[in-house]
Amino acid sequence: MAFVILDPCQSEKSGECVSVCPVDCIEEGPDQFYIDPDICIDCGACKAVCPVDAIEEEYDITEEQEVFLEKAEAFFANK
């Protein structure tokens, strides 16, 4: 499982999550930050520091929020 950054990040993009990630799997994209689901170790450090509560575990996201997991997968597939 991985963590997913959701829509509150699109209006904030504060970036505290990047510096606390022990495996450097979070990168800034054009509209928000993204977590690489292939690298994320599911530690939760990013979720704990997010000031806008934009980060959820993959298995906790709703069907409507799955688009954010797909966006992250597409962002890192193009790297």
PDB file of N, CA and C in Angstrom:
ATOM      1  N   MET A   1       0.829  -1.187   0.000  1.00  0.00           N
ATOM      2  CA  MET A   1       0.000   0.000   0.000  1.00  0.00           C
ATOM      3  C   MET A   1       0.876   1.254   0.000  1.00  0.00           C
ATOM      4  N   ALA A   2       0.285   2.323  -0.416  1.00  0.00           N
ATOM      5  CA  ALA A   2       0.990   3.609  -0.462  1.00  0.00           C
ATOM      6  C   ALA A   2       0.057   4.700   0.021  1.00  0.00           C
ATOM      7  N   PHE A   3       0.645   5.828   0.319  1.00  0.00           N
ATOM      8  CA  PHE A   3      -0.143   7.004   0.643  1.00  0.00           C
ATOM      9  C   PHE A   3      -0.412   7.767  -0.646  1.00  0.00           C
ATOM     10  N   VAL A   4      -1.502   8.528  -0.650  1.00  0.00           N
ATOM     11  CA  VAL A   4      -1.936   9.281  -1.818  1.00  0.00           C
ATOM     12  C   VAL A   4      -2.191  10.729  -1.389  1.00  0.00           C
ATOM     13  N   ILE A   5      -1.723  11.669  -2.182  1.00  0.00           N
ATOM     14  CA  ILE A   5      -1.970  13.083  -1.912  1.00  0.00           C
ATOM     15  C   ILE A   5      -3.212  13.502  -2.691  1.00  0.00           C
ATOM     16  N   LEU A   6      -4.176  14.059  -1.977  1.00  0.00           N
ATOM     17  CA  LEU A   6      -5.480  14.382  -2.540  1.00  0.00           C
ATOM     18  C   LEU A   6      -5.632  15.872  -2.857  1.00  0.00           C
ATOM     19  N   ASP A   7      -6.838  16.270  -3.236  1.00  0.00           N
ATOM     20  CA  ASP A   7      -7.096  17.614  -3.751  1.00  0.00           C
ATOM     21  C   ASP A   7      -6.783  18.785  -2.824  1.00  0.00           C
ATOM     22  N   PRO A   8      -6.802  18.684  -1.491  1.00  0.00           N
ATOM     23  CA  PRO A   8      -6.431  19.863  -0.707  1.00  0.00           C
ATOM     24  C   PRO A   8      -5.013  20.374  -1.008  1.00  0.00           C
ATOM     25  N   CYS A   9      -4.159  19.515  -1.508  1.00  0.00           N
ATOM     26  CA  CYS A   9      -2.790  19.915  -1.855  1.00  0.00           C
ATOM     27  C   CYS A   9      -2.776  20.864  -3.052  1.00  0.00           C
ATOM     28  N   GLN A  10      -3.779  20.769  -3.904  1.00  0.00           N
ATOM     29  CA  GLN A  10      -3.796  21.603  -5.101  1.00  0.00           C
ATOM     30  C   GLN A  10      -3.913  23.081  -4.763  1.00  0.00           C
ATOM     31  N   SER A  11      -4.564  23.406  -3.670  1.00  0.00           N
ATOM     32  CA  SER A  11      -4.690  24.816  -3.309  1.00  0.00           C
ATOM     33  C   SER A  11      -3.614  25.274  -2.327  1.00  0.00           C
ATOM     34  N   GLU A  12      -2.917  24.345  -1.696  1.00  0.00           N
ATOM     35  CA  GLU A  12      -1.923  24.713  -0.692  1.00  0.00           C
ATOM     36  C   GLU A  12      -0.482  24.499  -1.161  1.00  0.00           C
ATOM     37  N   LYS A  13      -0.138  23.280  -1.555  1.00  0.00           N
ATOM     38  CA  LYS A  13       1.223  22.913  -1.975  1.00  0.00           C
ATOM     39  C   LYS A  13       2.284  23.418  -0.999  1.00  0.00           C
ATOM     40  N   SER A  14       2.132  23.101   0.275  1.00  0.00           N
ATOM     41  CA  SER A  14       3.075  23.612   1.276  1.00  0.00           C
ATOM     42  C   SER A  14       4.392  22.834   1.298  1.00  0.00           C
ATOM     43  N   GLY A  15       4.381  21.532   1.050  1.00  0.00           N
ATOM     44  CA  GLY A  15       5.611  20.773   0.868  1.00  0.00           C
ATOM     45  C   GLY A  15       6.296  20.222   2.097  1.00  0.00           C
ATOM     46  N   GLU A  16       5.704  20.329   3.283  1.00  0.00           N
ATOM     47  CA  GLU A  16       6.330  19.747   4.472  1.00  0.00           C
ATOM     48  C   GLU A  16       6.563  18.250   4.313  1.00  0.00           C
ATOM     49  N   CYS A  17       5.716  17.613   3.539  1.00  0.00           N
ATOM     50  CA  CYS A  17       5.797  16.167   3.344  1.00  0.00           C
ATOM     51  C   CYS A  17       7.110  15.734   2.691  1.00  0.00           C
ATOM     52  N   VAL A  18       7.633  16.546   1.815  1.00  0.00           N
ATOM     53  CA  VAL A  18       8.844  16.188   1.069  1.00  0.00           C
ATOM     54  C   VAL A  18      10.034  15.972   1.994  1.00  0.00           C
ATOM     55  N   SER A  19      10.225  16.878   2.932  1.00  0.00           N
ATOM     56  CA  SER A  19      11.408  16.810   3.784  1.00  0.00           C
ATOM     57  C   SER A  19      11.368  15.689   4.821  1.00  0.00           C
ATOM     58  N   VAL A  20      10.177  15.183   5.147  1.00  0.00           N
ATOM     59  CA  VAL A  20      10.101  14.127   6.162  1.00  0.00           C
ATOM     60  C   VAL A  20      10.084  12.715   5.573  1.00  0.00           C
ATOM     61  N   CYS A  21       9.948  12.595   4.283  1.00  0.00           N
ATOM     62  CA  CYS A  21       9.872  11.264   3.661  1.00  0.00           C
ATOM     63  C   CYS A  21      11.231  10.569   3.719  1.00  0.00           C
ATOM     64  N   PRO A  22      11.303   9.408   4.385  1.00  0.00           N
ATOM     65  CA  PRO A  22      12.597   8.729   4.528  1.00  0.00           C
ATOM     66  C   PRO A  22      13.111   8.069   3.249  1.00  0.00           C
ATOM     67  N   VAL A  23      12.245   7.908   2.244  1.00  0.00           N
ATOM     68  CA  VAL A  23      12.676   7.259   1.008  1.00  0.00           C
ATOM     69  C   VAL A  23      12.595   8.192  -0.205  1.00  0.00           C
ATOM     70  N   ASP A  24      12.393   9.459   0.039  1.00  0.00           N
ATOM     71  CA  ASP A  24      12.353  10.471  -1.024  1.00  0.00           C
ATOM     72  C   ASP A  24      11.414  10.105  -2.172  1.00  0.00           C
ATOM     73  N   CYS A  25      10.188   9.730  -1.827  1.00  0.00           N
ATOM     74  CA  CYS A  25       9.256   9.321  -2.879  1.00  0.00           C
ATOM     75  C   CYS A  25       8.231  10.398  -3.220  1.00  0.00           C
ATOM     76  N   ILE A  26       8.393  11.608  -2.675  1.00  0.00           N
ATOM     77  CA  ILE A  26       7.435  12.681  -2.935  1.00  0.00           C
ATOM     78  C   ILE A  26       8.099  13.750  -3.793  1.00  0.00           C
ATOM     79  N   GLU A  27       7.405  14.100  -4.882  1.00  0.00           N
ATOM     80  CA  GLU A  27       7.920  15.119  -5.791  1.00  0.00           C
ATOM     81  C   GLU A  27       6.832  16.128  -6.108  1.00  0.00           C
ATOM     82  N   GLU A  28       7.272  17.340  -6.415  1.00  0.00           N
ATOM     83  CA  GLU A  28       6.332  18.387  -6.789  1.00  0.00           C
ATOM     84  C   GLU A  28       5.989  18.281  -8.260  1.00  0.00           C
ATOM     85  N   GLY A  29       4.701  18.273  -8.543  1.00  0.00           N
ATOM     86  CA  GLY A  29       4.216  18.284  -9.914  1.00  0.00           C
ATOM     87  C   GLY A  29       3.685  19.659 -10.257  1.00  0.00           C
ATOM     88  N   PRO A  30       3.131  19.819 -11.433  1.00  0.00           N
ATOM     89  CA  PRO A  30       2.652  21.135 -11.858  1.00  0.00           C
ATOM     90  C   PRO A  30       1.465  21.652 -11.043  1.00  0.00           C
ATOM     91  N   ASP A  31       0.658  20.747 -10.497  1.00  0.00           N
ATOM     92  CA  ASP A  31      -0.538  21.181  -9.779  1.00  0.00           C
ATOM     93  C   ASP A  31      -0.573  20.772  -8.310  1.00  0.00           C
ATOM     94  N   GLN A  32       0.269  19.839  -7.900  1.00  0.00           N
ATOM     95  CA  GLN A  32       0.302  19.361  -6.523  1.00  0.00           C
ATOM     96  C   GLN A  32       1.544  18.501  -6.327  1.00  0.00           C
ATOM     97  N   PHE A  33       1.749  18.029  -5.101  1.00  0.00           N
ATOM     98  CA  PHE A  33       2.810  17.060  -4.844  1.00  0.00           C
ATOM     99  C   PHE A  33       2.262  15.664  -5.103  1.00  0.00           C
ATOM    100  N   TYR A  34       3.162  14.745  -5.458  1.00  0.00           N
ATOM    101  CA  TYR A  34       2.775  13.366  -5.737  1.00  0.00           C
ATOM    102  C   TYR A  34       3.678  12.405  -4.977  1.00  0.00           C
ATOM    103  N   ILE A  35       3.094  11.282  -4.533  1.00  0.00           N
ATOM    104  CA  ILE A  35       3.838  10.211  -3.872  1.00  0.00           C
ATOM    105  C   ILE A  35       3.980   9.066  -4.865  1.00  0.00           C
ATOM    106  N   ASP A  36       5.198   8.614  -5.067  1.00  0.00           N
ATOM    107  CA  ASP A  36       5.441   7.487  -5.963  1.00  0.00           C
ATOM    108  C   ASP A  36       4.952   6.216  -5.265  1.00  0.00           C
ATOM    109  N   PRO A  37       3.872   5.599  -5.765  1.00  0.00           N
ATOM    110  CA  PRO A  37       3.311   4.424  -5.089  1.00  0.00           C
ATOM    111  C   PRO A  37       4.227   3.201  -5.134  1.00  0.00           C
ATOM    112  N   ASP A  38       5.196   3.200  -6.033  1.00  0.00           N
ATOM    113  CA  ASP A  38       6.120   2.075  -6.118  1.00  0.00           C
ATOM    114  C   ASP A  38       7.259   2.172  -5.113  1.00  0.00           C
ATOM    115  N   ILE A  39       7.488   3.368  -4.586  1.00  0.00           N
ATOM    116  CA  ILE A  39       8.589   3.578  -3.644  1.00  0.00           C
ATOM    117  C   ILE A  39       8.095   3.768  -2.211  1.00  0.00           C
ATOM    118  N   CYS A  40       6.897   4.300  -2.033  1.00  0.00           N
ATOM    119  CA  CYS A  40       6.342   4.589  -0.711  1.00  0.00           C
ATOM    120  C   CYS A  40       6.384   3.343   0.176  1.00  0.00           C
ATOM    121  N   ILE A  41       6.892   3.524   1.397  1.00  0.00           N
ATOM    122  CA  ILE A  41       6.979   2.397   2.343  1.00  0.00           C
ATOM    123  C   ILE A  41       5.851   2.439   3.378  1.00  0.00           C
ATOM    124  N   ASP A  42       4.894   3.327   3.178  1.00  0.00           N
ATOM    125  CA  ASP A  42       3.702   3.390   4.016  1.00  0.00           C
ATOM    126  C   ASP A  42       4.022   3.712   5.472  1.00  0.00           C
ATOM    127  N   CYS A  43       4.988   4.599   5.682  1.00  0.00           N
ATOM    128  CA  CYS A  43       5.402   4.924   7.053  1.00  0.00           C
ATOM    129  C   CYS A  43       4.486   5.946   7.724  1.00  0.00           C
ATOM    130  N   GLY A  44       3.835   6.799   6.948  1.00  0.00           N
ATOM    131  CA  GLY A  44       2.914   7.781   7.495  1.00  0.00           C
ATOM    132  C   GLY A  44       3.532   9.096   7.930  1.00  0.00           C
ATOM    133  N   ALA A  45       4.836   9.263   7.745  1.00  0.00           N
ATOM    134  CA  ALA A  45       5.495  10.511   8.157  1.00  0.00           C
ATOM    135  C   ALA A  45       4.903  11.712   7.419  1.00  0.00           C
ATOM    136  N   CYS A  46       4.597  11.548   6.153  1.00  0.00           N
ATOM    137  CA  CYS A  46       4.042  12.638   5.352  1.00  0.00           C
ATOM    138  C   CYS A  46       2.659  13.046   5.855  1.00  0.00           C
ATOM    139  N   LYS A  47       1.834  12.085   6.149  1.00  0.00           N
ATOM    140  CA  LYS A  47       0.477  12.360   6.634  1.00  0.00           C
ATOM    141  C   LYS A  47       0.516  13.139   7.939  1.00  0.00           C
ATOM    142  N   ALA A  48       1.460  12.794   8.800  1.00  0.00           N
ATOM    143  CA  ALA A  48       1.552  13.436  10.113  1.00  0.00           C
ATOM    144  C   ALA A  48       1.880  14.925  10.033  1.00  0.00           C
ATOM    145  N   VAL A  49       2.595  15.348   8.994  1.00  0.00           N
ATOM    146  CA  VAL A  49       3.012  16.757   8.910  1.00  0.00           C
ATOM    147  C   VAL A  49       2.195  17.590   7.925  1.00  0.00           C
ATOM    148  N   CYS A  50       1.305  16.997   7.185  1.00  0.00           N
ATOM    149  CA  CYS A  50       0.533  17.735   6.180  1.00  0.00           C
ATOM    150  C   CYS A  50      -0.408  18.730   6.863  1.00  0.00           C
ATOM    151  N   PRO A  51      -0.223  20.027   6.597  1.00  0.00           N
ATOM    152  CA  PRO A  51      -1.041  21.035   7.275  1.00  0.00           C
ATOM    153  C   PRO A  51      -2.479  21.137   6.763  1.00  0.00           C
ATOM    154  N   VAL A  52      -2.767  20.525   5.614  1.00  0.00           N
ATOM    155  CA  VAL A  52      -4.117  20.602   5.055  1.00  0.00           C
ATOM    156  C   VAL A  52      -4.802  19.247   4.993  1.00  0.00           C
ATOM    157  N   ASP A  53      -4.218  18.253   5.654  1.00  0.00           N
ATOM    158  CA  ASP A  53      -4.802  16.907   5.727  1.00  0.00           C
ATOM    159  C   ASP A  53      -5.132  16.358   4.333  1.00  0.00           C
ATOM    160  N   ALA A  54      -4.162  16.479   3.436  1.00  0.00           N
ATOM    161  CA  ALA A  54      -4.366  16.065   2.046  1.00  0.00           C
ATOM    162  C   ALA A  54      -3.868  14.659   1.757  1.00  0.00           C
ATOM    163  N   ILE A  55      -3.332  13.954   2.754  1.00  0.00           N
ATOM    164  CA  ILE A  55      -2.703  12.662   2.501  1.00  0.00           C
ATOM    165  C   ILE A  55      -3.474  11.549   3.202  1.00  0.00           C
ATOM    166  N   GLU A  56      -3.822  10.526   2.435  1.00  0.00           N
ATOM    167  CA  GLU A  56      -4.545   9.364   2.961  1.00  0.00           C
ATOM    168  C   GLU A  56      -3.884   8.085   2.474  1.00  0.00           C
ATOM    169  N   GLU A  57      -4.109   7.021   3.218  1.00  0.00           N
ATOM    170  CA  GLU A  57      -3.620   5.725   2.767  1.00  0.00           C
ATOM    171  C   GLU A  57      -4.451   5.277   1.574  1.00  0.00           C
ATOM    172  N   GLU A  58      -3.805   4.579   0.671  1.00  0.00           N
ATOM    173  CA  GLU A  58      -4.458   4.158  -0.563  1.00  0.00           C
ATOM    174  C   GLU A  58      -5.759   3.405  -0.297  1.00  0.00           C
ATOM    175  N   TYR A  59      -5.777   2.532   0.691  1.00  0.00           N
ATOM    176  CA  TYR A  59      -6.979   1.741   0.932  1.00  0.00           C
ATOM    177  C   TYR A  59      -8.088   2.531   1.640  1.00  0.00           C
ATOM    178  N   ASP A  60      -7.807   3.760   2.061  1.00  0.00           N
ATOM    179  CA  ASP A  60      -8.817   4.603   2.705  1.00  0.00           C
ATOM    180  C   ASP A  60      -9.454   5.621   1.766  1.00  0.00           C
ATOM    181  N   ILE A  61      -8.964   5.728   0.532  1.00  0.00           N
ATOM    182  CA  ILE A  61      -9.534   6.732  -0.361  1.00  0.00           C
ATOM    183  C   ILE A  61     -10.856   6.238  -0.947  1.00  0.00           C
ATOM    184  N   THR A  62     -11.697   7.206  -1.274  1.00  0.00           N
ATOM    185  CA  THR A  62     -12.994   6.878  -1.859  1.00  0.00           C
ATOM    186  C   THR A  62     -12.830   6.601  -3.356  1.00  0.00           C
ATOM    187  N   GLU A  63     -13.875   6.100  -3.934  1.00  0.00           N
ATOM    188  CA  GLU A  63     -13.863   5.834  -5.372  1.00  0.00           C
ATOM    189  C   GLU A  63     -13.618   7.120  -6.165  1.00  0.00           C
ATOM    190  N   GLU A  64     -14.194   8.235  -5.696  1.00  0.00           N
ATOM    191  CA  GLU A  64     -14.011   9.523  -6.369  1.00  0.00           C
ATOM    192  C   GLU A  64     -12.564  10.015  -6.248  1.00  0.00           C
ATOM    193  N   GLN A  65     -11.876   9.632  -5.180  1.00  0.00           N
ATOM    194  CA  GLN A  65     -10.498  10.075  -4.957  1.00  0.00           C
ATOM    195  C   GLN A  65      -9.466   9.202  -5.671  1.00  0.00           C
ATOM    196  N   GLU A  66      -9.878   8.094  -6.239  1.00  0.00           N
ATOM    197  CA  GLU A  66      -8.948   7.208  -6.939  1.00  0.00           C
ATOM    198  C   GLU A  66      -8.240   7.909  -8.088  1.00  0.00           C
ATOM    199  N   VAL A  67      -8.837   8.970  -8.601  1.00  0.00           N
ATOM    200  CA  VAL A  67      -8.218   9.734  -9.668  1.00  0.00           C
ATOM    201  C   VAL A  67      -6.852  10.287  -9.229  1.00  0.00           C
ATOM    202  N   PHE A  68      -6.689  10.578  -7.927  1.00  0.00           N
ATOM    203  CA  PHE A  68      -5.418  11.115  -7.436  1.00  0.00           C
ATOM    204  C   PHE A  68      -4.329  10.049  -7.404  1.00  0.00           C
ATOM    205  N   LEU A  69      -4.698   8.801  -7.147  1.00  0.00           N
ATOM    206  CA  LEU A  69      -3.741   7.699  -7.244  1.00  0.00           C
ATOM    207  C   LEU A  69      -3.342   7.507  -8.704  1.00  0.00           C
ATOM    208  N   GLU A  70      -4.307   7.566  -9.590  1.00  0.00           N
ATOM    209  CA  GLU A  70      -4.032   7.427 -11.023  1.00  0.00           C
ATOM    210  C   GLU A  70      -3.130   8.554 -11.519  1.00  0.00           C
ATOM    211  N   LYS A  71      -3.368   9.779 -11.031  1.00  0.00           N
ATOM    212  CA  LYS A  71      -2.524  10.912 -11.423  1.00  0.00           C
ATOM    213  C   LYS A  71      -1.084  10.706 -10.950  1.00  0.00           C
ATOM    214  N   ALA A  72      -0.923  10.189  -9.736  1.00  0.00           N
ATOM    215  CA  ALA A  72       0.422   9.934  -9.211  1.00  0.00           C
ATOM    216  C   ALA A  72       1.128   8.865 -10.029  1.00  0.00           C
ATOM    217  N   GLU A  73       0.414   7.796 -10.348  1.00  0.00           N
ATOM    218  CA  GLU A  73       0.996   6.728 -11.161  1.00  0.00           C
ATOM    219  C   GLU A  73       1.420   7.251 -12.518  1.00  0.00           C
ATOM    220  N   ALA A  74       0.593   8.076 -13.135  1.00  0.00           N
ATOM    221  CA  ALA A  74       0.906   8.652 -14.449  1.00  0.00           C
ATOM    222  C   ALA A  74       2.092   9.611 -14.344  1.00  0.00           C
ATOM    223  N   PHE A  75       2.143  10.415 -13.275  1.00  0.00           N
ATOM    224  CA  PHE A  75       3.254  11.371 -13.088  1.00  0.00           C
ATOM    225  C   PHE A  75       4.575  10.640 -13.026  1.00  0.00           C
ATOM    226  N   PHE A  76       4.651   9.559 -12.274  1.00  0.00           N
ATOM    227  CA  PHE A  76       5.908   8.836 -12.132  1.00  0.00           C
ATOM    228  C   PHE A  76       6.193   7.893 -13.304  1.00  0.00           C
ATOM    229  N   ALA A  77       5.168   7.506 -14.051  1.00  0.00           N
ATOM    230  CA  ALA A  77       5.384   6.675 -15.241  1.00  0.00           C
ATOM    231  C   ALA A  77       6.106   7.459 -16.326  1.00  0.00           C
ATOM    232  N   ASN A  78       5.925   8.768 -16.326  1.00  0.00           N
ATOM    233  CA  ASN A  78       6.545   9.630 -17.325  1.00  0.00           C
ATOM    234  C   ASN A  78       7.938  10.085 -16.939  1.00  0.00           C
ATOM    235  N   LYS A  79       8.482   9.586 -15.863  1.00  0.00           N
ATOM    236  CA  LYS A  79       9.808   9.989 -15.388  1.00  0.00           C
ATOM    237  C   LYS A  79      10.872   9.104 -15.988  1.00  0.00           C
TER     238      LYS A  79
END
